[in-house]
Amino acid sequence: MTDQSPPDRDLDPTSDGDGRTLEPWEVFRREKDGDPMRHGGSVMAPDAVLAVHYARELYGRRQESVALWVVRRADIHDLADPDLLQPPLDRSFKKPGGYVMRDKLAAARQQSGQAKPKAR
């Protein structure tokens, strides 16, 4: 974690990021090494540097987190469109149990006229 803002987030005097407008930043935290990152909450800050300081103060001061991610809420892209989430092709053969060989063998035996072999 660094106290510097990312290069694409440098404050430009001509931009609307004048340091007076608060915007929401989402904070993700890891409680212990090996755990996944989980959403911890959000902070309101005018820029990335202050957002990191606020997140560190709220989610790290009692050593309850070993890692923090601080992300501008506007930079999170929501994929709620079902067309984007459904694969365009049937790939059920990649899922466990998605490609049932028993049904295929039964259909092939029926087509060839052979009976199912007896168990040994």
Protein backbone atom coordinates (compact mmCIF):
# COMPACT_ATOMS: atom_id res chain seq x y z
CA MET A 1 0.00 0.00 0.00
CA THR A 2 1.36 3.38 -0.84
CA ASP A 3 0.45 6.92 0.08
CA GLN A 4 0.83 8.14 -3.49
CA SER A 5 -2.11 8.44 -5.84
CA PRO A 6 -2.04 6.25 -8.94
CA PRO A 7 -0.49 7.94 -12.02
CA ASP A 8 -3.84 8.22 -13.81
CA ARG A 9 -5.39 9.90 -10.78
CA ASP A 10 -3.06 12.88 -10.36
CA LEU A 11 -5.01 15.97 -9.46
CA ASP A 12 -5.13 18.38 -12.36
CA PRO A 13 -6.15 21.96 -11.51
CA THR A 14 -8.39 22.06 -14.57
CA SER A 15 -10.26 18.86 -13.70
CA ASP A 16 -13.28 18.56 -11.45
CA GLY A 17 -11.16 16.72 -8.83
CA ASP A 18 -10.46 19.96 -6.99
CA GLY A 19 -10.26 18.27 -3.60
CA ARG A 20 -13.53 19.75 -2.39
CA THR A 21 -15.95 17.19 -3.85
CA LEU A 22 -16.30 14.02 -1.81
CA GLU A 23 -16.84 10.78 -3.67
CA PRO A 24 -17.38 7.22 -2.43
CA TRP A 25 -14.49 4.75 -2.32
CA GLU A 26 -15.08 1.05 -1.67
CA VAL A 27 -12.76 -0.73 0.75
CA PHE A 28 -11.94 -4.42 0.47
CA ARG A 29 -9.97 -6.08 3.23
CA ARG A 30 -8.20 -9.34 4.04
CA GLU A 31 -8.38 -10.42 7.68
CA LYS A 32 -5.48 -12.91 7.59
CA ASP A 33 -2.99 -14.19 5.05
CA GLY A 34 -4.60 -16.71 2.72
CA ASP A 35 -8.13 -15.35 3.17
CA PRO A 36 -9.96 -13.85 0.21
CA MET A 37 -10.52 -10.11 -0.04
CA ARG A 38 -13.96 -9.17 1.29
CA HIS A 39 -15.90 -5.94 1.04
CA GLY A 40 -15.37 -4.05 4.27
CA GLY A 41 -17.38 -0.92 3.55
CA SER A 42 -16.89 2.46 1.97
CA VAL A 43 -15.34 5.81 2.78
CA MET A 44 -16.02 9.28 1.43
CA ALA A 45 -12.91 11.15 0.30
CA PRO A 46 -11.93 13.80 -2.24
CA ASP A 47 -8.97 11.83 -3.64
CA ALA A 48 -7.11 8.51 -3.52
CA VAL A 49 -4.56 9.61 -0.94
CA LEU A 50 -7.18 10.58 1.63
CA ALA A 51 -9.29 7.52 0.78
CA VAL A 52 -6.32 5.29 1.64
CA HIS A 53 -5.74 7.16 4.91
CA TYR A 54 -9.43 6.91 5.87
CA ALA A 55 -9.54 3.21 4.98
CA ARG A 56 -6.38 2.54 6.99
CA GLU A 57 -7.86 4.39 9.96
CA LEU A 58 -11.24 2.63 9.81
CA TYR A 59 -10.22 -0.90 8.79
CA GLY A 60 -6.60 -1.28 9.86
CA ARG A 61 -5.99 0.58 13.08
CA ARG A 62 -6.71 -2.42 15.32
CA GLN A 63 -4.74 -4.81 13.11
CA GLU A 64 -7.96 -6.51 11.98
CA SER A 65 -6.75 -6.43 8.36
CA VAL A 66 -3.50 -7.53 6.73
CA ALA A 67 -4.31 -5.99 3.32
CA LEU A 68 -6.64 -3.29 2.00
CA TRP A 69 -7.83 -2.44 -1.49
CA VAL A 70 -9.34 1.02 -1.98
CA VAL A 71 -11.28 1.47 -5.22
CA ARG A 72 -13.19 4.47 -6.51
CA ARG A 73 -16.85 3.42 -6.74
CA ALA A 74 -17.14 4.99 -10.19
CA ASP A 75 -14.37 2.63 -11.41
CA ILE A 76 -16.34 -0.51 -10.50
CA HIS A 77 -18.21 -1.93 -13.47
CA ASP A 78 -21.44 -3.76 -12.71
CA LEU A 79 -22.18 -6.76 -14.95
CA ALA A 80 -25.84 -7.29 -14.14
CA ASP A 81 -26.92 -7.85 -17.76
CA PRO A 82 -27.88 -11.55 -18.06
CA ASP A 83 -26.72 -11.62 -21.70
CA LEU A 84 -23.19 -10.73 -20.59
CA LEU A 85 -23.14 -13.34 -17.85
CA GLN A 86 -24.44 -16.28 -19.92
CA PRO A 87 -21.88 -18.00 -22.13
CA PRO A 88 -22.75 -17.86 -25.84
CA LEU A 89 -21.95 -21.55 -26.38
CA ASP A 90 -23.05 -24.66 -24.53
CA ARG A 91 -20.06 -25.73 -22.48
CA SER A 92 -21.80 -28.14 -20.16
CA PHE A 93 -19.11 -30.72 -20.91
CA LYS A 94 -16.71 -28.63 -18.80
CA LYS A 95 -18.87 -28.85 -15.68
CA PRO A 96 -18.77 -31.88 -13.41
CA GLY A 97 -21.74 -34.03 -14.31
CA GLY A 98 -22.52 -31.88 -17.34
CA TYR A 99 -21.56 -34.57 -19.83
CA VAL A 100 -23.36 -37.75 -18.80
CA MET A 101 -21.75 -40.71 -20.54
CA ARG A 102 -24.44 -43.14 -19.35
CA ASP A 103 -27.12 -41.54 -21.55
CA LYS A 104 -24.82 -41.49 -24.57
CA LEU A 105 -23.92 -45.18 -24.12
CA ALA A 106 -27.57 -46.19 -23.70
CA ALA A 107 -28.51 -44.37 -26.91
CA ALA A 108 -25.60 -45.98 -28.81
CA ARG A 109 -26.55 -49.47 -27.54
CA GLN A 110 -30.16 -48.98 -28.50
CA GLN A 111 -29.17 -47.81 -31.99
CA SER A 112 -26.85 -50.79 -32.51
CA GLY A 113 -29.29 -53.29 -30.99
CA GLN A 114 -26.88 -54.57 -28.35
CA ALA A 115 -27.93 -55.27 -24.78
CA LYS A 116 -26.19 -53.79 -21.78
CA PRO A 117 -23.36 -56.07 -20.66
CA LYS A 118 -23.83 -57.75 -17.31
CA ALA A 119 -21.72 -56.66 -14.36
CA ARG A 120 -18.82 -58.98 -13.54
